[in-house]
Each structure stands twice: as structure tokens, then as C-alpha cells.
Amino acid sequence: MKFDPETLVYNDQGLIPAIAQDETGAVLMMAWMNIEAVKRTLETRRVTYWSRSRQAFWIKGETSGHIQRLIDLRVDCDADCLLMIVEQEGPACHTNRRSCFYTSVLEGDNVELMAPMA
């Protein structure tokens, strides 16, 4: 059966959460996609998000050089969330860390798990 991005369940702003995970299984980041971003990502294999703050498409790595190449796009059981397996060049986070999930809450304290990449 051919995949159709129209069959995904988008929120009332026309967006769907998209989680980027690298080949090792590490979760790198979460951002939003609209139907056109999903289509562009599948066509180009360069991960394209929808920036809610800029109200514009955001091709990951376009300005930073920290490119995400799509390896696999997976849809969850309710079709309302995406998991993208990606090849990540450099850091995924705008803080220059490999992952946006670099803080853990341990015994009520924020604990930084990783420093920015050099």
C-alpha cells in the first residue's frame, strides 16, 4: 500500500510531532511538521520541519551545516506522531549538543548530561 501523508492525523494547527532518532537509537530532538514538510522530507531525504516561531519551513542544517538525512520514516499506531531515523551530521540541538535531551531531573534537580560539542 502506498503511503499518503494526507492519512496522518495533524493537530488543529495542521502539525504533527516528529521525533528524530539516530541510528544508535539516541533521541536527538522533537520538532513539528506539516503535510508539506512531510512530503519535502520524503522527496529530498533532507529532514524538513515547520518552524512555528518563524512560520516557515526549516531544512535541518541549512544554515548550521548540521544536516539530518532521512534513513527511515515511521508512523505510530494512531498516525499522530512520526519517528524519523536520521543520519545526523554534528549536533542536533541549537545549543551545540548532540541531543536536545541533555538535561535529566534527578531527585528534584536538573542535571546536565552532556556538554556542547567542540
N, C-alpha and C. Protein backbone atom coordinates (compact mmCIF):
# COMPACT_ATOMS: atom_id res chain seq x y z
N MET A 1 0.85 -1.17 0.00
CA MET A 1 0.00 0.00 0.00
C MET A 1 0.90 1.25 0.00
N LYS A 2 0.61 2.19 -0.86
CA LYS A 2 1.38 3.42 -0.98
C LYS A 2 1.07 4.36 0.19
N PHE A 3 2.12 4.97 0.75
CA PHE A 3 1.95 5.91 1.86
C PHE A 3 1.41 7.24 1.34
N ASP A 4 0.45 7.79 2.06
CA ASP A 4 -0.14 9.08 1.72
C ASP A 4 -0.08 9.98 2.95
N PRO A 5 0.71 11.07 2.92
CA PRO A 5 0.78 11.98 4.08
C PRO A 5 -0.57 12.55 4.51
N GLU A 6 -1.55 12.52 3.62
CA GLU A 6 -2.90 13.00 3.95
C GLU A 6 -3.55 12.13 5.03
N THR A 7 -3.08 10.88 5.16
CA THR A 7 -3.70 9.96 6.12
C THR A 7 -3.21 10.18 7.54
N LEU A 8 -2.17 11.00 7.72
CA LEU A 8 -1.67 11.30 9.06
C LEU A 8 -2.66 12.17 9.81
N VAL A 9 -2.61 12.11 11.13
CA VAL A 9 -3.50 12.90 11.97
C VAL A 9 -2.72 14.12 12.47
N TYR A 10 -3.10 15.28 11.95
CA TYR A 10 -2.46 16.55 12.31
C TYR A 10 -3.30 17.26 13.36
N ASN A 11 -2.65 18.10 14.18
CA ASN A 11 -3.41 18.84 15.19
C ASN A 11 -4.19 19.98 14.54
N ASP A 12 -4.86 20.80 15.36
CA ASP A 12 -5.70 21.86 14.80
C ASP A 12 -4.91 22.97 14.11
N GLN A 13 -3.58 22.98 14.27
CA GLN A 13 -2.73 23.92 13.52
C GLN A 13 -2.15 23.25 12.27
N GLY A 14 -2.57 22.02 12.00
CA GLY A 14 -2.09 21.29 10.84
C GLY A 14 -0.70 20.71 11.02
N LEU A 15 -0.31 20.45 12.28
CA LEU A 15 1.04 19.97 12.59
C LEU A 15 1.02 18.59 13.23
N ILE A 16 2.13 17.89 13.07
CA ILE A 16 2.31 16.58 13.69
C ILE A 16 3.69 16.57 14.34
N PRO A 17 3.82 16.03 15.57
CA PRO A 17 5.14 15.96 16.19
C PRO A 17 6.02 14.94 15.46
N ALA A 18 7.30 15.30 15.33
CA ALA A 18 8.26 14.44 14.64
C ALA A 18 9.50 14.31 15.51
N ILE A 19 9.82 13.09 15.89
CA ILE A 19 10.97 12.81 16.74
C ILE A 19 12.11 12.32 15.85
N ALA A 20 13.28 12.91 16.03
CA ALA A 20 14.47 12.48 15.28
C ALA A 20 15.32 11.61 16.20
N GLN A 21 15.68 10.45 15.69
CA GLN A 21 16.49 9.48 16.43
C GLN A 21 17.63 9.05 15.51
N ASP A 22 18.83 8.90 16.06
CA ASP A 22 19.93 8.47 15.20
C ASP A 22 19.98 6.95 15.10
N GLU A 23 20.91 6.46 14.31
CA GLU A 23 21.00 5.02 14.04
C GLU A 23 21.33 4.19 15.27
N THR A 24 21.88 4.83 16.32
CA THR A 24 22.21 4.10 17.55
C THR A 24 21.00 3.98 18.47
N GLY A 25 19.92 4.71 18.15
CA GLY A 25 18.73 4.71 18.99
C GLY A 25 18.64 5.93 19.89
N ALA A 26 19.65 6.79 19.86
CA ALA A 26 19.61 8.01 20.68
C ALA A 26 18.57 8.99 20.12
N VAL A 27 17.73 9.51 21.01
CA VAL A 27 16.75 10.51 20.61
C VAL A 27 17.47 11.85 20.54
N LEU A 28 17.39 12.49 19.39
CA LEU A 28 18.11 13.74 19.17
C LEU A 28 17.26 14.98 19.43
N MET A 29 16.03 14.97 18.95
CA MET A 29 15.20 16.17 19.07
C MET A 29 13.76 15.85 18.70
N MET A 30 12.89 16.80 18.98
CA MET A 30 11.50 16.76 18.55
C MET A 30 11.17 18.11 17.95
N ALA A 31 10.49 18.09 16.83
CA ALA A 31 10.03 19.33 16.20
C ALA A 31 8.71 19.02 15.51
N TRP A 32 8.19 19.99 14.81
CA TRP A 32 6.87 19.85 14.18
C TRP A 32 7.00 19.81 12.67
N MET A 33 6.08 19.09 12.05
CA MET A 33 5.99 19.04 10.59
C MET A 33 4.55 19.29 10.19
N ASN A 34 4.38 19.90 9.04
CA ASN A 34 3.05 19.95 8.45
C ASN A 34 3.08 19.01 7.24
N ILE A 35 1.99 18.90 6.54
CA ILE A 35 1.92 17.93 5.45
C ILE A 35 2.97 18.20 4.38
N GLU A 36 3.22 19.47 4.07
CA GLU A 36 4.22 19.81 3.05
C GLU A 36 5.63 19.46 3.53
N ALA A 37 5.92 19.64 4.80
CA ALA A 37 7.23 19.26 5.34
C ALA A 37 7.44 17.76 5.25
N VAL A 38 6.40 16.99 5.51
CA VAL A 38 6.49 15.53 5.37
C VAL A 38 6.79 15.17 3.92
N LYS A 39 6.07 15.78 3.00
CA LYS A 39 6.28 15.50 1.57
C LYS A 39 7.70 15.87 1.14
N ARG A 40 8.15 17.06 1.54
CA ARG A 40 9.50 17.50 1.16
C ARG A 40 10.57 16.58 1.73
N THR A 41 10.38 16.16 2.98
CA THR A 41 11.34 15.25 3.61
C THR A 41 11.43 13.94 2.84
N LEU A 42 10.30 13.39 2.47
CA LEU A 42 10.29 12.13 1.73
C LEU A 42 10.88 12.29 0.33
N GLU A 43 10.64 13.42 -0.31
CA GLU A 43 11.15 13.66 -1.66
C GLU A 43 12.66 13.89 -1.68
N THR A 44 13.17 14.67 -0.72
CA THR A 44 14.57 15.09 -0.75
C THR A 44 15.47 14.24 0.14
N ARG A 45 14.88 13.53 1.11
CA ARG A 45 15.60 12.78 2.15
C ARG A 45 16.38 13.71 3.08
N ARG A 46 16.20 15.02 2.97
CA ARG A 46 16.72 16.02 3.91
C ARG A 46 15.55 16.38 4.82
N VAL A 47 15.73 16.24 6.12
CA VAL A 47 14.61 16.44 7.04
C VAL A 47 14.21 17.92 7.05
N THR A 48 12.93 18.15 6.81
CA THR A 48 12.36 19.49 6.75
C THR A 48 11.27 19.60 7.80
N TYR A 49 11.38 20.59 8.65
CA TYR A 49 10.39 20.83 9.69
C TYR A 49 9.60 22.10 9.38
N TRP A 50 8.56 22.35 10.18
CA TRP A 50 7.82 23.60 10.13
C TRP A 50 8.15 24.38 11.40
N SER A 51 8.71 25.56 11.24
CA SER A 51 9.05 26.40 12.39
C SER A 51 7.80 27.18 12.79
N ARG A 52 7.32 26.91 13.99
CA ARG A 52 6.15 27.63 14.48
C ARG A 52 6.47 29.09 14.76
N SER A 53 7.68 29.38 15.24
CA SER A 53 8.03 30.76 15.56
C SER A 53 8.23 31.61 14.31
N ARG A 54 8.83 31.02 13.29
CA ARG A 54 9.09 31.77 12.05
C ARG A 54 7.99 31.62 11.02
N GLN A 55 7.10 30.65 11.26
CA GLN A 55 6.05 30.33 10.29
C GLN A 55 6.64 30.08 8.91
N ALA A 56 7.66 29.20 8.89
CA ALA A 56 8.36 28.90 7.65
C ALA A 56 8.96 27.51 7.72
N PHE A 57 9.28 26.96 6.55
CA PHE A 57 9.95 25.67 6.51
C PHE A 57 11.38 25.81 7.00
N TRP A 58 11.88 24.76 7.61
CA TRP A 58 13.20 24.74 8.21
C TRP A 58 13.85 23.43 7.81
N ILE A 59 14.78 23.50 6.89
CA ILE A 59 15.53 22.32 6.49
C ILE A 59 16.67 22.17 7.47
N LYS A 60 16.65 21.11 8.25
CA LYS A 60 17.64 20.93 9.31
C LYS A 60 19.05 20.96 8.72
N GLY A 61 19.87 21.88 9.23
CA GLY A 61 21.25 22.01 8.80
C GLY A 61 21.46 23.00 7.67
N GLU A 62 20.40 23.61 7.18
CA GLU A 62 20.51 24.54 6.05
C GLU A 62 21.44 25.71 6.36
N THR A 63 21.37 26.24 7.57
CA THR A 63 22.25 27.35 7.93
C THR A 63 23.42 26.90 8.81
N SER A 64 23.21 25.88 9.64
CA SER A 64 24.25 25.44 10.58
C SER A 64 25.22 24.43 9.97
N GLY A 65 24.77 23.73 8.94
CA GLY A 65 25.56 22.64 8.38
C GLY A 65 25.36 21.33 9.11
N HIS A 66 24.52 21.32 10.15
CA HIS A 66 24.25 20.11 10.95
C HIS A 66 23.06 19.37 10.34
N ILE A 67 23.30 18.78 9.22
CA ILE A 67 22.29 18.18 8.37
C ILE A 67 21.72 16.89 8.97
N GLN A 68 20.42 16.70 8.73
CA GLN A 68 19.78 15.43 9.04
C GLN A 68 19.33 14.80 7.72
N ARG A 69 19.85 13.61 7.45
CA ARG A 69 19.43 12.84 6.28
C ARG A 69 18.50 11.73 6.75
N LEU A 70 17.37 11.65 6.10
CA LEU A 70 16.37 10.65 6.48
C LEU A 70 16.81 9.25 6.05
N ILE A 71 16.80 8.34 7.00
CA ILE A 71 17.05 6.93 6.73
C ILE A 71 15.72 6.20 6.65
N ASP A 72 14.83 6.48 7.62
CA ASP A 72 13.55 5.78 7.70
C ASP A 72 12.53 6.69 8.36
N LEU A 73 11.32 6.71 7.85
CA LEU A 73 10.22 7.46 8.45
C LEU A 73 9.21 6.45 8.97
N ARG A 74 8.91 6.53 10.26
CA ARG A 74 7.97 5.59 10.88
C ARG A 74 6.78 6.36 11.44
N VAL A 75 5.63 5.74 11.35
CA VAL A 75 4.37 6.34 11.81
C VAL A 75 3.87 5.53 12.99
N ASP A 76 3.46 6.22 14.07
CA ASP A 76 2.97 5.48 15.23
C ASP A 76 1.59 4.89 14.97
N CYS A 77 1.11 4.08 15.91
CA CYS A 77 -0.13 3.32 15.74
C CYS A 77 -1.37 4.19 15.53
N ASP A 78 -1.36 5.41 16.04
CA ASP A 78 -2.50 6.31 15.87
C ASP A 78 -2.32 7.27 14.70
N ALA A 79 -1.18 7.19 14.03
CA ALA A 79 -0.84 8.05 12.89
C ALA A 79 -0.80 9.52 13.28
N ASP A 80 -0.50 9.80 14.58
CA ASP A 80 -0.44 11.19 15.03
C ASP A 80 0.93 11.60 15.55
N CYS A 81 1.95 10.79 15.26
CA CYS A 81 3.32 11.11 15.66
C CYS A 81 4.27 10.39 14.71
N LEU A 82 5.36 11.06 14.37
CA LEU A 82 6.35 10.47 13.47
C LEU A 82 7.65 10.21 14.21
N LEU A 83 8.33 9.15 13.81
CA LEU A 83 9.67 8.86 14.28
C LEU A 83 10.55 8.78 13.04
N MET A 84 11.56 9.63 13.01
CA MET A 84 12.48 9.64 11.88
C MET A 84 13.82 9.11 12.33
N ILE A 85 14.28 8.07 11.68
CA ILE A 85 15.63 7.58 11.90
C ILE A 85 16.50 8.39 10.94
N VAL A 86 17.50 9.07 11.49
CA VAL A 86 18.28 10.01 10.68
C VAL A 86 19.77 9.76 10.82
N GLU A 87 20.49 10.21 9.80
CA GLU A 87 21.94 10.33 9.88
C GLU A 87 22.18 11.80 10.22
N GLN A 88 22.73 12.04 11.39
CA GLN A 88 22.94 13.40 11.90
C GLN A 88 24.40 13.80 11.74
N GLU A 89 24.63 14.92 11.07
CA GLU A 89 25.98 15.48 10.99
C GLU A 89 26.11 16.54 12.07
N GLY A 90 27.03 16.34 13.01
CA GLY A 90 27.24 17.30 14.08
C GLY A 90 26.10 17.28 15.08
N PRO A 91 25.99 18.36 15.88
CA PRO A 91 24.96 18.42 16.90
C PRO A 91 23.56 18.60 16.29
N ALA A 92 22.57 18.06 16.98
CA ALA A 92 21.19 18.23 16.55
C ALA A 92 20.55 19.44 17.24
N CYS A 93 21.05 19.79 18.41
CA CYS A 93 20.45 20.86 19.23
C CYS A 93 21.07 22.21 18.91
N HIS A 94 20.24 23.25 18.98
CA HIS A 94 20.74 24.61 18.74
C HIS A 94 21.73 25.07 19.82
N THR A 95 21.82 24.30 20.93
CA THR A 95 22.79 24.61 21.99
C THR A 95 24.15 23.97 21.70
N ASN A 96 24.27 23.38 20.52
CA ASN A 96 25.50 22.73 20.06
C ASN A 96 25.75 21.40 20.77
N ARG A 97 24.69 20.78 21.26
CA ARG A 97 24.79 19.44 21.86
C ARG A 97 24.27 18.40 20.87
N ARG A 98 24.72 17.19 21.03
CA ARG A 98 24.30 16.11 20.14
C ARG A 98 22.78 15.93 20.17
N SER A 99 22.19 16.08 21.35
CA SER A 99 20.75 15.89 21.54
C SER A 99 20.16 17.07 22.29
N CYS A 100 18.91 17.36 22.00
CA CYS A 100 18.19 18.39 22.76
C CYS A 100 17.83 17.89 24.16
N PHE A 101 17.88 16.59 24.36
CA PHE A 101 17.52 15.98 25.64
C PHE A 101 18.77 15.76 26.47
N TYR A 102 19.38 16.86 26.88
CA TYR A 102 20.66 16.79 27.61
C TYR A 102 20.50 17.08 29.10
N THR A 103 19.27 17.28 29.56
CA THR A 103 19.03 17.55 30.98
C THR A 103 18.16 16.45 31.56
N SER A 104 18.58 15.94 32.72
CA SER A 104 17.81 14.93 33.43
C SER A 104 17.35 15.52 34.76
N VAL A 105 16.18 15.09 35.21
CA VAL A 105 15.68 15.50 36.51
C VAL A 105 15.95 14.34 37.47
N LEU A 106 16.92 14.55 38.34
CA LEU A 106 17.31 13.52 39.30
C LEU A 106 17.10 14.04 40.72
N GLU A 107 16.25 13.35 41.45
CA GLU A 107 15.93 13.73 42.83
C GLU A 107 15.57 15.20 42.95
N GLY A 108 14.80 15.69 41.99
CA GLY A 108 14.32 17.07 42.02
C GLY A 108 15.29 18.10 41.47
N ASP A 109 16.44 17.68 41.00
CA ASP A 109 17.44 18.63 40.47
C ASP A 109 17.61 18.43 38.97
N ASN A 110 17.85 19.53 38.26
CA ASN A 110 18.26 19.46 36.87
C ASN A 110 19.72 19.07 36.80
N VAL A 111 20.02 18.03 36.04
CA VAL A 111 21.40 17.57 35.91
C VAL A 111 21.75 17.56 34.42
N GLU A 112 22.80 18.30 34.07
CA GLU A 112 23.24 18.34 32.68
C GLU A 112 23.99 17.06 32.35
N LEU A 113 23.54 16.35 31.31
CA LEU A 113 24.10 15.05 30.95
C LEU A 113 25.22 15.15 29.91
N MET A 114 25.20 16.23 29.13
CA MET A 114 26.24 16.37 28.10
C MET A 114 26.55 17.84 27.87
N ALA A 115 27.80 18.09 27.59
CA ALA A 115 28.27 19.45 27.31
C ALA A 115 28.13 19.72 25.82
N PRO A 116 28.18 20.99 25.43
CA PRO A 116 28.18 21.30 23.99
C PRO A 116 29.37 20.64 23.31
N MET A 117 29.17 20.32 22.03
CA MET A 117 30.23 19.71 21.25
C MET A 117 31.27 20.77 20.90
N ALA A 118 32.50 20.35 20.79
CA ALA A 118 33.59 21.29 20.47
C ALA A 118 33.54 21.71 19.02
